[in-house]
Amino acid sequence: MIKTNKASLQPVKRIAVRIPSKMVEKIETNLLASGYNKKQRLYWFEDVLAELFEKDDFHNLIAEEFIEPGTTKTINLSLTVKTFDIVKKVVKEVEAQEDVKTDRSSVIRTAIIQRLLKKV
């Protein structure tokens, strides 16, 4: 994937995201298999979200996302302010277009799932 230093000079925001417990290890495995190291998590998450937003049907993918209560683990991650603002905008778009309540975690989980479904 794209391993650039594009975000290094941009302000970042730290956020907490609810992720299924079993997905946490898969994220780390995919991150490493994609050529990133643990210090490059920011870039992996930035790229994963960018890939999701390039899909024509990404609003629908987010709206269809389902998570069982009590099966998640909270992880902390950093995103650039620009990407954070895009995620907030997408939450509003999904709620308006798909008539479904969603949140930032749902957007990020959907992006992660789409990446994990791809072959590295």
PDB file of N, CA and C in Angstrom:
ATOM      1  N   MET A   1       0.834  -1.189   0.000  1.00  0.00           N
ATOM      2  CA  MET A   1       0.000   0.000   0.000  1.00  0.00           C
ATOM      3  C   MET A   1       0.871   1.242   0.000  1.00  0.00           C
ATOM      4  N   ILE A   2       0.221   2.351   0.135  1.00  0.00           N
ATOM      5  CA  ILE A   2       0.894   3.637   0.101  1.00  0.00           C
ATOM      6  C   ILE A   2       1.511   3.910   1.468  1.00  0.00           C
ATOM      7  N   LYS A   3       2.822   3.887   1.530  1.00  0.00           N
ATOM      8  CA  LYS A   3       3.491   4.164   2.798  1.00  0.00           C
ATOM      9  C   LYS A   3       4.180   5.511   2.679  1.00  0.00           C
ATOM     10  N   THR A   4       3.427   6.571   2.808  1.00  0.00           N
ATOM     11  CA  THR A   4       3.989   7.898   2.645  1.00  0.00           C
ATOM     12  C   THR A   4       4.059   8.597   3.985  1.00  0.00           C
ATOM     13  N   ASN A   5       4.752   9.685   3.987  1.00  0.00           N
ATOM     14  CA  ASN A   5       4.849  10.495   5.180  1.00  0.00           C
ATOM     15  C   ASN A   5       3.939  11.704   5.046  1.00  0.00           C
ATOM     16  N   LYS A   6       2.894  11.587   4.209  1.00  0.00           N
ATOM     17  CA  LYS A   6       2.016  12.703   3.895  1.00  0.00           C
ATOM     18  C   LYS A   6       1.336  13.292   5.121  1.00  0.00           C
ATOM     19  N   ALA A   7       1.090  12.482   6.130  1.00  0.00           N
ATOM     20  CA  ALA A   7       0.352  12.959   7.298  1.00  0.00           C
ATOM     21  C   ALA A   7       1.267  13.471   8.405  1.00  0.00           C
ATOM     22  N   SER A   8       2.561  13.318   8.254  1.00  0.00           N
ATOM     23  CA  SER A   8       3.460  13.617   9.367  1.00  0.00           C
ATOM     24  C   SER A   8       3.446  15.084   9.775  1.00  0.00           C
ATOM     25  N   LEU A   9       3.174  15.982   8.855  1.00  0.00           N
ATOM     26  CA  LEU A   9       3.181  17.396   9.193  1.00  0.00           C
ATOM     27  C   LEU A   9       1.778  17.940   9.426  1.00  0.00           C
ATOM     28  N   GLN A  10       0.773  17.094   9.326  1.00  0.00           N
ATOM     29  CA  GLN A  10      -0.603  17.524   9.516  1.00  0.00           C
ATOM     30  C   GLN A  10      -1.021  17.295  10.963  1.00  0.00           C
ATOM     31  N   PRO A  11      -1.886  18.189  11.472  1.00  0.00           N
ATOM     32  CA  PRO A  11      -2.395  17.961  12.826  1.00  0.00           C
ATOM     33  C   PRO A  11      -3.184  16.654  12.881  1.00  0.00           C
ATOM     34  N   VAL A  12      -3.119  15.980  14.021  1.00  0.00           N
ATOM     35  CA  VAL A  12      -3.840  14.714  14.169  1.00  0.00           C
ATOM     36  C   VAL A  12      -4.826  14.806  15.327  1.00  0.00           C
ATOM     37  N   LYS A  13      -5.834  13.961  15.265  1.00  0.00           N
ATOM     38  CA  LYS A  13      -6.811  13.831  16.337  1.00  0.00           C
ATOM     39  C   LYS A  13      -6.765  12.407  16.839  1.00  0.00           C
ATOM     40  N   ARG A  14      -6.814  12.227  18.146  1.00  0.00           N
ATOM     41  CA  ARG A  14      -6.885  10.889  18.741  1.00  0.00           C
ATOM     42  C   ARG A  14      -8.350  10.594  18.998  1.00  0.00           C
ATOM     43  N   ILE A  15      -8.784   9.404  18.601  1.00  0.00           N
ATOM     44  CA  ILE A  15     -10.162   9.005  18.857  1.00  0.00           C
ATOM     45  C   ILE A  15     -10.193   7.561  19.339  1.00  0.00           C
ATOM     46  N   ALA A  16     -11.271   7.223  20.017  1.00  0.00           N
ATOM     47  CA  ALA A  16     -11.492   5.848  20.465  1.00  0.00           C
ATOM     48  C   ALA A  16     -12.529   5.225  19.544  1.00  0.00           C
ATOM     49  N   VAL A  17     -12.267   3.996  19.114  1.00  0.00           N
ATOM     50  CA  VAL A  17     -13.149   3.292  18.186  1.00  0.00           C
ATOM     51  C   VAL A  17     -13.474   1.925  18.769  1.00  0.00           C
ATOM     52  N   ARG A  18     -14.737   1.539  18.683  1.00  0.00           N
ATOM     53  CA  ARG A  18     -15.149   0.207  19.135  1.00  0.00           C
ATOM     54  C   ARG A  18     -14.956  -0.778  17.983  1.00  0.00           C
ATOM     55  N   ILE A  19     -14.164  -1.801  18.247  1.00  0.00           N
ATOM     56  CA  ILE A  19     -13.812  -2.810  17.245  1.00  0.00           C
ATOM     57  C   ILE A  19     -14.145  -4.181  17.831  1.00  0.00           C
ATOM     58  N   PRO A  20     -14.705  -5.097  17.027  1.00  0.00           N
ATOM     59  CA  PRO A  20     -14.902  -6.457  17.550  1.00  0.00           C
ATOM     60  C   PRO A  20     -13.577  -7.009  18.080  1.00  0.00           C
ATOM     61  N   SER A  21     -13.629  -7.629  19.230  1.00  0.00           N
ATOM     62  CA  SER A  21     -12.417  -8.130  19.890  1.00  0.00           C
ATOM     63  C   SER A  21     -11.565  -8.995  18.965  1.00  0.00           C
ATOM     64  N   LYS A  22     -12.199  -9.857  18.189  1.00  0.00           N
ATOM     65  CA  LYS A  22     -11.460 -10.762  17.307  1.00  0.00           C
ATOM     66  C   LYS A  22     -10.817 -10.039  16.124  1.00  0.00           C
ATOM     67  N   MET A  23     -11.248  -8.807  15.851  1.00  0.00           N
ATOM     68  CA  MET A  23     -10.715  -8.070  14.717  1.00  0.00           C
ATOM     69  C   MET A  23      -9.383  -7.392  15.040  1.00  0.00           C
ATOM     70  N   VAL A  24      -9.116  -7.138  16.308  1.00  0.00           N
ATOM     71  CA  VAL A  24      -7.914  -6.399  16.702  1.00  0.00           C
ATOM     72  C   VAL A  24      -6.650  -7.094  16.200  1.00  0.00           C
ATOM     73  N   GLU A  25      -6.541  -8.396  16.409  1.00  0.00           N
ATOM     74  CA  GLU A  25      -5.361  -9.142  15.950  1.00  0.00           C
ATOM     75  C   GLU A  25      -5.271  -9.134  14.425  1.00  0.00           C
ATOM     76  N   LYS A  26      -6.406  -9.228  13.744  1.00  0.00           N
ATOM     77  CA  LYS A  26      -6.411  -9.219  12.279  1.00  0.00           C
ATOM     78  C   LYS A  26      -5.937  -7.875  11.732  1.00  0.00           C
ATOM     79  N   ILE A  27      -6.257  -6.801  12.439  1.00  0.00           N
ATOM     80  CA  ILE A  27      -5.787  -5.476  12.027  1.00  0.00           C
ATOM     81  C   ILE A  27      -4.268  -5.447  12.067  1.00  0.00           C
ATOM     82  N   GLU A  28      -3.691  -5.892  13.184  1.00  0.00           N
ATOM     83  CA  GLU A  28      -2.230  -5.884  13.323  1.00  0.00           C
ATOM     84  C   GLU A  28      -1.567  -6.763  12.267  1.00  0.00           C
ATOM     85  N   THR A  29      -2.151  -7.923  11.998  1.00  0.00           N
ATOM     86  CA  THR A  29      -1.605  -8.832  10.990  1.00  0.00           C
ATOM     87  C   THR A  29      -1.645  -8.187   9.613  1.00  0.00           C
ATOM     88  N   ASN A  30      -2.780  -7.570   9.264  1.00  0.00           N
ATOM     89  CA  ASN A  30      -2.920  -6.935   7.957  1.00  0.00           C
ATOM     90  C   ASN A  30      -2.001  -5.729   7.832  1.00  0.00           C
ATOM     91  N   LEU A  31      -1.878  -4.975   8.900  1.00  0.00           N
ATOM     92  CA  LEU A  31      -1.001  -3.813   8.908  1.00  0.00           C
ATOM     93  C   LEU A  31       0.423  -4.234   8.545  1.00  0.00           C
ATOM     94  N   LEU A  32       0.920  -5.266   9.210  1.00  0.00           N
ATOM     95  CA  LEU A  32       2.279  -5.749   8.949  1.00  0.00           C
ATOM     96  C   LEU A  32       2.398  -6.383   7.566  1.00  0.00           C
ATOM     97  N   ALA A  33       1.389  -7.159   7.159  1.00  0.00           N
ATOM     98  CA  ALA A  33       1.417  -7.811   5.843  1.00  0.00           C
ATOM     99  C   ALA A  33       1.346  -6.792   4.711  1.00  0.00           C
ATOM    100  N   SER A  34       0.764  -5.632   4.987  1.00  0.00           N
ATOM    101  CA  SER A  34       0.653  -4.580   3.977  1.00  0.00           C
ATOM    102  C   SER A  34       1.926  -3.747   3.874  1.00  0.00           C
ATOM    103  N   GLY A  35       2.913  -4.050   4.718  1.00  0.00           N
ATOM    104  CA  GLY A  35       4.189  -3.352   4.635  1.00  0.00           C
ATOM    105  C   GLY A  35       4.338  -2.185   5.596  1.00  0.00           C
ATOM    106  N   TYR A  36       3.400  -2.019   6.494  1.00  0.00           N
ATOM    107  CA  TYR A  36       3.490  -0.958   7.492  1.00  0.00           C
ATOM    108  C   TYR A  36       4.110  -1.536   8.758  1.00  0.00           C
ATOM    109  N   ASN A  37       4.706  -0.667   9.579  1.00  0.00           N
ATOM    110  CA  ASN A  37       5.135  -1.125  10.895  1.00  0.00           C
ATOM    111  C   ASN A  37       4.206  -0.498  11.932  1.00  0.00           C
ATOM    112  N   LYS A  38       4.365  -0.874  13.184  1.00  0.00           N
ATOM    113  CA  LYS A  38       3.421  -0.415  14.213  1.00  0.00           C
ATOM    114  C   LYS A  38       3.442   1.098  14.403  1.00  0.00           C
ATOM    115  N   LYS A  39       4.549   1.728  14.080  1.00  0.00           N
ATOM    116  CA  LYS A  39       4.618   3.183  14.183  1.00  0.00           C
ATOM    117  C   LYS A  39       3.883   3.864  13.027  1.00  0.00           C
ATOM    118  N   GLN A  40       3.515   3.092  12.017  1.00  0.00           N
ATOM    119  CA  GLN A  40       2.830   3.643  10.847  1.00  0.00           C
ATOM    120  C   GLN A  40       1.331   3.350  10.857  1.00  0.00           C
ATOM    121  N   ARG A  41       0.786   3.028  12.034  1.00  0.00           N
ATOM    122  CA  ARG A  41      -0.658   2.763  12.139  1.00  0.00           C
ATOM    123  C   ARG A  41      -1.487   3.911  11.583  1.00  0.00           C
ATOM    124  N   LEU A  42      -1.082   5.143  11.845  1.00  0.00           N
ATOM    125  CA  LEU A  42      -1.799   6.313  11.336  1.00  0.00           C
ATOM    126  C   LEU A  42      -1.971   6.212   9.826  1.00  0.00           C
ATOM    127  N   TYR A  43      -0.889   5.873   9.130  1.00  0.00           N
ATOM    128  CA  TYR A  43      -0.941   5.804   7.665  1.00  0.00           C
ATOM    129  C   TYR A  43      -1.835   4.664   7.196  1.00  0.00           C
ATOM    130  N   TRP A  44      -1.800   3.534   7.911  1.00  0.00           N
ATOM    131  CA  TRP A  44      -2.653   2.400   7.549  1.00  0.00           C
ATOM    132  C   TRP A  44      -4.120   2.798   7.671  1.00  0.00           C
ATOM    133  N   PHE A  45      -4.498   3.406   8.793  1.00  0.00           N
ATOM    134  CA  PHE A  45      -5.890   3.828   8.973  1.00  0.00           C
ATOM    135  C   PHE A  45      -6.278   4.896   7.959  1.00  0.00           C
ATOM    136  N   GLU A  46      -5.385   5.826   7.670  1.00  0.00           N
ATOM    137  CA  GLU A  46      -5.668   6.847   6.655  1.00  0.00           C
ATOM    138  C   GLU A  46      -5.935   6.188   5.300  1.00  0.00           C
ATOM    139  N   ASP A  47      -5.085   5.235   4.919  1.00  0.00           N
ATOM    140  CA  ASP A  47      -5.247   4.560   3.627  1.00  0.00           C
ATOM    141  C   ASP A  47      -6.509   3.705   3.582  1.00  0.00           C
ATOM    142  N   VAL A  48      -6.815   3.024   4.679  1.00  0.00           N
ATOM    143  CA  VAL A  48      -8.011   2.179   4.744  1.00  0.00           C
ATOM    144  C   VAL A  48      -9.264   3.035   4.549  1.00  0.00           C
ATOM    145  N   LEU A  49      -9.312   4.173   5.211  1.00  0.00           N
ATOM    146  CA  LEU A  49     -10.472   5.056   5.067  1.00  0.00           C
ATOM    147  C   LEU A  49     -10.535   5.657   3.667  1.00  0.00           C
ATOM    148  N   ALA A  50      -9.391   6.047   3.117  1.00  0.00           N
ATOM    149  CA  ALA A  50      -9.379   6.596   1.753  1.00  0.00           C
ATOM    150  C   ALA A  50      -9.904   5.567   0.755  1.00  0.00           C
ATOM    151  N   GLU A  51      -9.503   4.306   0.924  1.00  0.00           N
ATOM    152  CA  GLU A  51      -9.992   3.238   0.037  1.00  0.00           C
ATOM    153  C   GLU A  51     -11.506   3.091   0.138  1.00  0.00           C
ATOM    154  N   LEU A  52     -12.038   3.150   1.354  1.00  0.00           N
ATOM    155  CA  LEU A  52     -13.490   3.035   1.528  1.00  0.00           C
ATOM    156  C   LEU A  52     -14.201   4.181   0.818  1.00  0.00           C
ATOM    157  N   PHE A  53     -13.721   5.400   1.006  1.00  0.00           N
ATOM    158  CA  PHE A  53     -14.394   6.565   0.445  1.00  0.00           C
ATOM    159  C   PHE A  53     -14.314   6.615  -1.078  1.00  0.00           C
ATOM    160  N   GLU A  54     -13.419   5.825  -1.681  1.00  0.00           N
ATOM    161  CA  GLU A  54     -13.331   5.749  -3.143  1.00  0.00           C
ATOM    162  C   GLU A  54     -14.402   4.831  -3.735  1.00  0.00           C
ATOM    163  N   LYS A  55     -15.015   3.989  -2.920  1.00  0.00           N
ATOM    164  CA  LYS A  55     -16.050   3.065  -3.407  1.00  0.00           C
ATOM    165  C   LYS A  55     -17.346   3.833  -3.651  1.00  0.00           C
ATOM    166  N   ASP A  56     -18.002   3.537  -4.773  1.00  0.00           N
ATOM    167  CA  ASP A  56     -19.255   4.212  -5.103  1.00  0.00           C
ATOM    168  C   ASP A  56     -20.350   3.942  -4.079  1.00  0.00           C
ATOM    169  N   ASP A  57     -20.366   2.756  -3.512  1.00  0.00           N
ATOM    170  CA  ASP A  57     -21.456   2.361  -2.615  1.00  0.00           C
ATOM    171  C   ASP A  57     -21.079   2.426  -1.135  1.00  0.00           C
ATOM    172  N   PHE A  58     -20.096   3.267  -0.779  1.00  0.00           N
ATOM    173  CA  PHE A  58     -19.615   3.232   0.596  1.00  0.00           C
ATOM    174  C   PHE A  58     -20.678   3.641   1.613  1.00  0.00           C
ATOM    175  N   HIS A  59     -21.608   4.525   1.249  1.00  0.00           N
ATOM    176  CA  HIS A  59     -22.669   4.901   2.196  1.00  0.00           C
ATOM    177  C   HIS A  59     -23.502   3.672   2.567  1.00  0.00           C
ATOM    178  N   ASN A  60     -23.828   2.872   1.560  1.00  0.00           N
ATOM    179  CA  ASN A  60     -24.629   1.672   1.779  1.00  0.00           C
ATOM    180  C   ASN A  60     -23.864   0.647   2.629  1.00  0.00           C
ATOM    181  N   LEU A  61     -22.572   0.504   2.370  1.00  0.00           N
ATOM    182  CA  LEU A  61     -21.758  -0.433   3.158  1.00  0.00           C
ATOM    183  C   LEU A  61     -21.774  -0.058   4.640  1.00  0.00           C
ATOM    184  N   ILE A  62     -21.682   1.226   4.913  1.00  0.00           N
ATOM    185  CA  ILE A  62     -21.685   1.691   6.303  1.00  0.00           C
ATOM    186  C   ILE A  62     -23.062   1.462   6.925  1.00  0.00           C
ATOM    187  N   ALA A  63     -24.108   1.744   6.170  1.00  0.00           N
ATOM    188  CA  ALA A  63     -25.474   1.586   6.683  1.00  0.00           C
ATOM    189  C   ALA A  63     -25.780   0.130   7.014  1.00  0.00           C
ATOM    190  N   GLU A  64     -25.172  -0.803   6.284  1.00  0.00           N
ATOM    191  CA  GLU A  64     -25.435  -2.219   6.502  1.00  0.00           C
ATOM    192  C   GLU A  64     -24.567  -2.822   7.598  1.00  0.00           C
ATOM    193  N   GLU A  65     -23.615  -2.063   8.100  1.00  0.00           N
ATOM    194  CA  GLU A  65     -22.713  -2.553   9.135  1.00  0.00           C
ATOM    195  C   GLU A  65     -23.511  -2.855  10.394  1.00  0.00           C
ATOM    196  N   PHE A  66     -23.212  -3.993  11.001  1.00  0.00           N
ATOM    197  CA  PHE A  66     -23.922  -4.400  12.217  1.00  0.00           C
ATOM    198  C   PHE A  66     -22.911  -4.922  13.224  1.00  0.00           C
ATOM    199  N   ILE A  67     -23.105  -4.542  14.460  1.00  0.00           N
ATOM    200  CA  ILE A  67     -22.201  -5.001  15.509  1.00  0.00           C
ATOM    201  C   ILE A  67     -23.038  -5.436  16.717  1.00  0.00           C
ATOM    202  N   GLU A  68     -22.683  -6.561  17.299  1.00  0.00           N
ATOM    203  CA  GLU A  68     -23.398  -7.049  18.480  1.00  0.00           C
ATOM    204  C   GLU A  68     -22.885  -6.331  19.717  1.00  0.00           C
ATOM    205  N   PRO A  69     -23.791  -5.790  20.522  1.00  0.00           N
ATOM    206  CA  PRO A  69     -23.362  -5.135  21.759  1.00  0.00           C
ATOM    207  C   PRO A  69     -22.594  -6.113  22.659  1.00  0.00           C
ATOM    208  N   GLY A  70     -21.556  -5.610  23.303  1.00  0.00           N
ATOM    209  CA  GLY A  70     -20.798  -6.432  24.238  1.00  0.00           C
ATOM    210  C   GLY A  70     -19.688  -7.252  23.615  1.00  0.00           C
ATOM    211  N   THR A  71     -19.514  -7.158  22.294  1.00  0.00           N
ATOM    212  CA  THR A  71     -18.479  -7.960  21.635  1.00  0.00           C
ATOM    213  C   THR A  71     -17.317  -7.101  21.151  1.00  0.00           C
ATOM    214  N   THR A  72     -17.270  -5.855  21.612  1.00  0.00           N
ATOM    215  CA  THR A  72     -16.254  -4.947  21.090  1.00  0.00           C
ATOM    216  C   THR A  72     -15.188  -4.620  22.123  1.00  0.00           C
ATOM    217  N   LYS A  73     -14.084  -4.150  21.598  1.00  0.00           N
ATOM    218  CA  LYS A  73     -12.977  -3.668  22.408  1.00  0.00           C
ATOM    219  C   LYS A  73     -12.696  -2.255  21.909  1.00  0.00           C
ATOM    220  N   THR A  74     -12.374  -1.358  22.795  1.00  0.00           N
ATOM    221  CA  THR A  74     -12.077   0.009  22.389  1.00  0.00           C
ATOM    222  C   THR A  74     -10.590   0.133  22.100  1.00  0.00           C
ATOM    223  N   ILE A  75     -10.274   0.655  20.921  1.00  0.00           N
ATOM    224  CA  ILE A  75      -8.878   0.937  20.591  1.00  0.00           C
ATOM    225  C   ILE A  75      -8.751   2.432  20.343  1.00  0.00           C
ATOM    226  N   ASN A  76      -7.584   2.961  20.630  1.00  0.00           N
ATOM    227  CA  ASN A  76      -7.309   4.367  20.369  1.00  0.00           C
ATOM    228  C   ASN A  76      -6.497   4.458  19.099  1.00  0.00           C
ATOM    229  N   LEU A  77      -6.837   5.424  18.273  1.00  0.00           N
ATOM    230  CA  LEU A  77      -6.070   5.623  17.054  1.00  0.00           C
ATOM    231  C   LEU A  77      -6.002   7.097  16.737  1.00  0.00           C
ATOM    232  N   SER A  78      -5.090   7.432  15.855  1.00  0.00           N
ATOM    233  CA  SER A  78      -4.934   8.810  15.415  1.00  0.00           C
ATOM    234  C   SER A  78      -5.321   8.913  13.956  1.00  0.00           C
ATOM    235  N   LEU A  79      -5.963  10.014  13.617  1.00  0.00           N
ATOM    236  CA  LEU A  79      -6.283  10.346  12.233  1.00  0.00           C
ATOM    237  C   LEU A  79      -5.892  11.796  12.021  1.00  0.00           C
ATOM    238  N   THR A  80      -5.581  12.145  10.783  1.00  0.00           N
ATOM    239  CA  THR A  80      -5.350  13.555  10.520  1.00  0.00           C
ATOM    240  C   THR A  80      -6.664  14.289  10.731  1.00  0.00           C
ATOM    241  N   VAL A  81      -6.579  15.563  11.034  1.00  0.00           N
ATOM    242  CA  VAL A  81      -7.783  16.365  11.234  1.00  0.00           C
ATOM    243  C   VAL A  81      -8.637  16.332   9.972  1.00  0.00           C
ATOM    244  N   LYS A  82      -8.000  16.363   8.816  1.00  0.00           N
ATOM    245  CA  LYS A  82      -8.733  16.324   7.544  1.00  0.00           C
ATOM    246  C   LYS A  82      -9.557  15.035   7.435  1.00  0.00           C
ATOM    247  N   THR A  83      -8.946  13.894   7.698  1.00  0.00           N
ATOM    248  CA  THR A  83      -9.665  12.619   7.619  1.00  0.00           C
ATOM    249  C   THR A  83     -10.734  12.539   8.701  1.00  0.00           C
ATOM    250  N   PHE A  84     -10.436  13.024   9.892  1.00  0.00           N
ATOM    251  CA  PHE A  84     -11.422  13.038  10.977  1.00  0.00           C
ATOM    252  C   PHE A  84     -12.661  13.824  10.553  1.00  0.00           C
ATOM    253  N   ASP A  85     -12.447  14.981   9.933  1.00  0.00           N
ATOM    254  CA  ASP A  85     -13.572  15.802   9.472  1.00  0.00           C
ATOM    255  C   ASP A  85     -14.367  15.098   8.374  1.00  0.00           C
ATOM    256  N   ILE A  86     -13.675  14.375   7.495  1.00  0.00           N
ATOM    257  CA  ILE A  86     -14.366  13.615   6.445  1.00  0.00           C
ATOM    258  C   ILE A  86     -15.231  12.526   7.080  1.00  0.00           C
ATOM    259  N   VAL A  87     -14.697  11.836   8.072  1.00  0.00           N
ATOM    260  CA  VAL A  87     -15.459  10.784   8.756  1.00  0.00           C
ATOM    261  C   VAL A  87     -16.718  11.384   9.386  1.00  0.00           C
ATOM    262  N   LYS A  88     -16.594  12.537  10.056  1.00  0.00           N
ATOM    263  CA  LYS A  88     -17.763  13.191  10.654  1.00  0.00           C
ATOM    264  C   LYS A  88     -18.799  13.541   9.587  1.00  0.00           C
ATOM    265  N   LYS A  89     -18.327  14.043   8.439  1.00  0.00           N
ATOM    266  CA  LYS A  89     -19.227  14.398   7.336  1.00  0.00           C
ATOM    267  C   LYS A  89     -19.933  13.157   6.797  1.00  0.00           C
ATOM    268  N   VAL A  90     -19.198  12.068   6.660  1.00  0.00           N
ATOM    269  CA  VAL A  90     -19.769  10.818   6.147  1.00  0.00           C
ATOM    270  C   VAL A  90     -20.852  10.293   7.089  1.00  0.00           C
ATOM    271  N   VAL A  91     -20.655  10.417   8.390  1.00  0.00           N
ATOM    272  CA  VAL A  91     -21.678   9.987   9.353  1.00  0.00           C
ATOM    273  C   VAL A  91     -22.990  10.710   9.058  1.00  0.00           C
ATOM    274  N   LYS A  92     -22.918  12.020   8.860  1.00  0.00           N
ATOM    275  CA  LYS A  92     -24.126  12.803   8.567  1.00  0.00           C
ATOM    276  C   LYS A  92     -24.738  12.391   7.234  1.00  0.00           C
ATOM    277  N   GLU A  93     -23.885  12.150   6.222  1.00  0.00           N
ATOM    278  CA  GLU A  93     -24.380  11.742   4.904  1.00  0.00           C
ATOM    279  C   GLU A  93     -25.109  10.400   4.978  1.00  0.00           C
ATOM    280  N   VAL A  94     -24.517   9.442   5.684  1.00  0.00           N
ATOM    281  CA  VAL A  94     -25.133   8.112   5.799  1.00  0.00           C
ATOM    282  C   VAL A  94     -26.479   8.224   6.505  1.00  0.00           C
ATOM    283  N   GLU A  95     -26.520   8.997   7.572  1.00  0.00           N
ATOM    284  CA  GLU A  95     -27.780   9.156   8.302  1.00  0.00           C
ATOM    285  C   GLU A  95     -28.849   9.790   7.420  1.00  0.00           C
ATOM    286  N   ALA A  96     -28.466  10.758   6.581  1.00  0.00           N
ATOM    287  CA  ALA A  96     -29.426  11.431   5.702  1.00  0.00           C
ATOM    288  C   ALA A  96     -29.832  10.550   4.518  1.00  0.00           C
ATOM    289  N   GLN A  97     -28.858   9.913   3.867  1.00  0.00           N
ATOM    290  CA  GLN A  97     -29.131   9.147   2.648  1.00  0.00           C
ATOM    291  C   GLN A  97     -29.737   7.781   2.925  1.00  0.00           C
ATOM    292  N   GLU A  98     -29.301   7.127   3.975  1.00  0.00           N
ATOM    293  CA  GLU A  98     -29.727   5.752   4.239  1.00  0.00           C
ATOM    294  C   GLU A  98     -30.773   5.666   5.349  1.00  0.00           C
ATOM    295  N   ASP A  99     -31.089   6.798   5.969  1.00  0.00           N
ATOM    296  CA  ASP A  99     -32.081   6.854   7.042  1.00  0.00           C
ATOM    297  C   ASP A  99     -31.773   5.832   8.140  1.00  0.00           C
ATOM    298  N   VAL A 100     -30.517   5.841   8.566  1.00  0.00           N
ATOM    299  CA  VAL A 100     -30.068   4.919   9.610  1.00  0.00           C
ATOM    300  C   VAL A 100     -29.106   5.668  10.533  1.00  0.00           C
ATOM    301  N   LYS A 101     -29.161   5.390  11.814  1.00  0.00           N
ATOM    302  CA  LYS A 101     -28.264   6.014  12.788  1.00  0.00           C
ATOM    303  C   LYS A 101     -26.904   5.327  12.721  1.00  0.00           C
ATOM    304  N   THR A 102     -25.847   6.106  12.672  1.00  0.00           N
ATOM    305  CA  THR A 102     -24.497   5.544  12.611  1.00  0.00           C
ATOM    306  C   THR A 102     -23.562   6.410  13.444  1.00  0.00           C
ATOM    307  N   ASP A 103     -22.290   6.035  13.510  1.00  0.00           N
ATOM    308  CA  ASP A 103     -21.305   6.805  14.255  1.00  0.00           C
ATOM    309  C   ASP A 103     -19.930   6.644  13.621  1.00  0.00           C
ATOM    310  N   ARG A 104     -18.944   7.355  14.168  1.00  0.00           N
ATOM    311  CA  ARG A 104     -17.587   7.300  13.607  1.00  0.00           C
ATOM    312  C   ARG A 104     -17.024   5.892  13.663  1.00  0.00           C
ATOM    313  N   SER A 105     -17.272   5.181  14.762  1.00  0.00           N
ATOM    314  CA  SER A 105     -16.756   3.814  14.880  1.00  0.00           C
ATOM    315  C   SER A 105     -17.270   2.942  13.748  1.00  0.00           C
ATOM    316  N   SER A 106     -18.526   3.107  13.394  1.00  0.00           N
ATOM    317  CA  SER A 106     -19.126   2.314  12.322  1.00  0.00           C
ATOM    318  C   SER A 106     -18.433   2.575  10.987  1.00  0.00           C
ATOM    319  N   VAL A 107     -18.143   3.833  10.712  1.00  0.00           N
ATOM    320  CA  VAL A 107     -17.449   4.191   9.467  1.00  0.00           C
ATOM    321  C   VAL A 107     -16.070   3.542   9.444  1.00  0.00           C
ATOM    322  N   ILE A 108     -15.341   3.654  10.532  1.00  0.00           N
ATOM    323  CA  ILE A 108     -13.983   3.115  10.592  1.00  0.00           C
ATOM    324  C   ILE A 108     -13.998   1.587  10.562  1.00  0.00           C
ATOM    325  N   ARG A 109     -14.934   0.960  11.269  1.00  0.00           N
ATOM    326  CA  ARG A 109     -15.043  -0.506  11.220  1.00  0.00           C
ATOM    327  C   ARG A 109     -15.325  -0.984   9.800  1.00  0.00           C
ATOM    328  N   THR A 110     -16.214  -0.287   9.102  1.00  0.00           N
ATOM    329  CA  THR A 110     -16.537  -0.679   7.725  1.00  0.00           C
ATOM    330  C   THR A 110     -15.298  -0.597   6.850  1.00  0.00           C
ATOM    331  N   ALA A 111     -14.512   0.454   7.010  1.00  0.00           N
ATOM    332  CA  ALA A 111     -13.279   0.591   6.230  1.00  0.00           C
ATOM    333  C   ALA A 111     -12.313  -0.547   6.550  1.00  0.00           C
ATOM    334  N   ILE A 112     -12.185  -0.882   7.815  1.00  0.00           N
ATOM    335  CA  ILE A 112     -11.288  -1.970   8.226  1.00  0.00           C
ATOM    336  C   ILE A 112     -11.761  -3.294   7.640  1.00  0.00           C
ATOM    337  N   ILE A 113     -13.047  -3.563   7.742  1.00  0.00           N
ATOM    338  CA  ILE A 113     -13.589  -4.821   7.207  1.00  0.00           C
ATOM    339  C   ILE A 113     -13.336  -4.924   5.714  1.00  0.00           C
ATOM    340  N   GLN A 114     -13.542  -3.832   4.978  1.00  0.00           N
ATOM    341  CA  GLN A 114     -13.302  -3.853   3.537  1.00  0.00           C
ATOM    342  C   GLN A 114     -11.837  -4.174   3.240  1.00  0.00           C
ATOM    343  N   ARG A 115     -10.913  -3.630   4.042  1.00  0.00           N
ATOM    344  CA  ARG A 115      -9.490  -3.915   3.853  1.00  0.00           C
ATOM    345  C   ARG A 115      -9.188  -5.370   4.176  1.00  0.00           C
ATOM    346  N   LEU A 116      -9.753  -5.877   5.258  1.00  0.00           N
ATOM    347  CA  LEU A 116      -9.474  -7.255   5.659  1.00  0.00           C
ATOM    348  C   LEU A 116     -10.038  -8.264   4.667  1.00  0.00           C
ATOM    349  N   LEU A 117     -11.077  -7.879   3.941  1.00  0.00           N
ATOM    350  CA  LEU A 117     -11.652  -8.772   2.932  1.00  0.00           C
ATOM    351  C   LEU A 117     -10.779  -8.876   1.684  1.00  0.00           C
ATOM    352  N   LYS A 118      -9.923  -7.869   1.477  1.00  0.00           N
ATOM    353  CA  LYS A 118      -9.021  -7.881   0.322  1.00  0.00           C
ATOM    354  C   LYS A 118      -7.830  -8.783   0.593  1.00  0.00           C
ATOM    355  N   LYS A 119      -7.291  -9.344  -0.455  1.00  0.00           N
ATOM    356  CA  LYS A 119      -6.026 -10.091  -0.335  1.00  0.00           C
ATOM    357  C   LYS A 119      -4.901  -9.073  -0.273  1.00  0.00           C
ATOM    358  N   VAL A 120      -3.939  -9.317   0.579  1.00  0.00           N
ATOM    359  CA  VAL A 120      -2.797  -8.399   0.706  1.00  0.00           C
ATOM    360  C   VAL A 120      -1.776  -8.745  -0.342  1.00  0.00           C
TER     361      VAL A 120
END
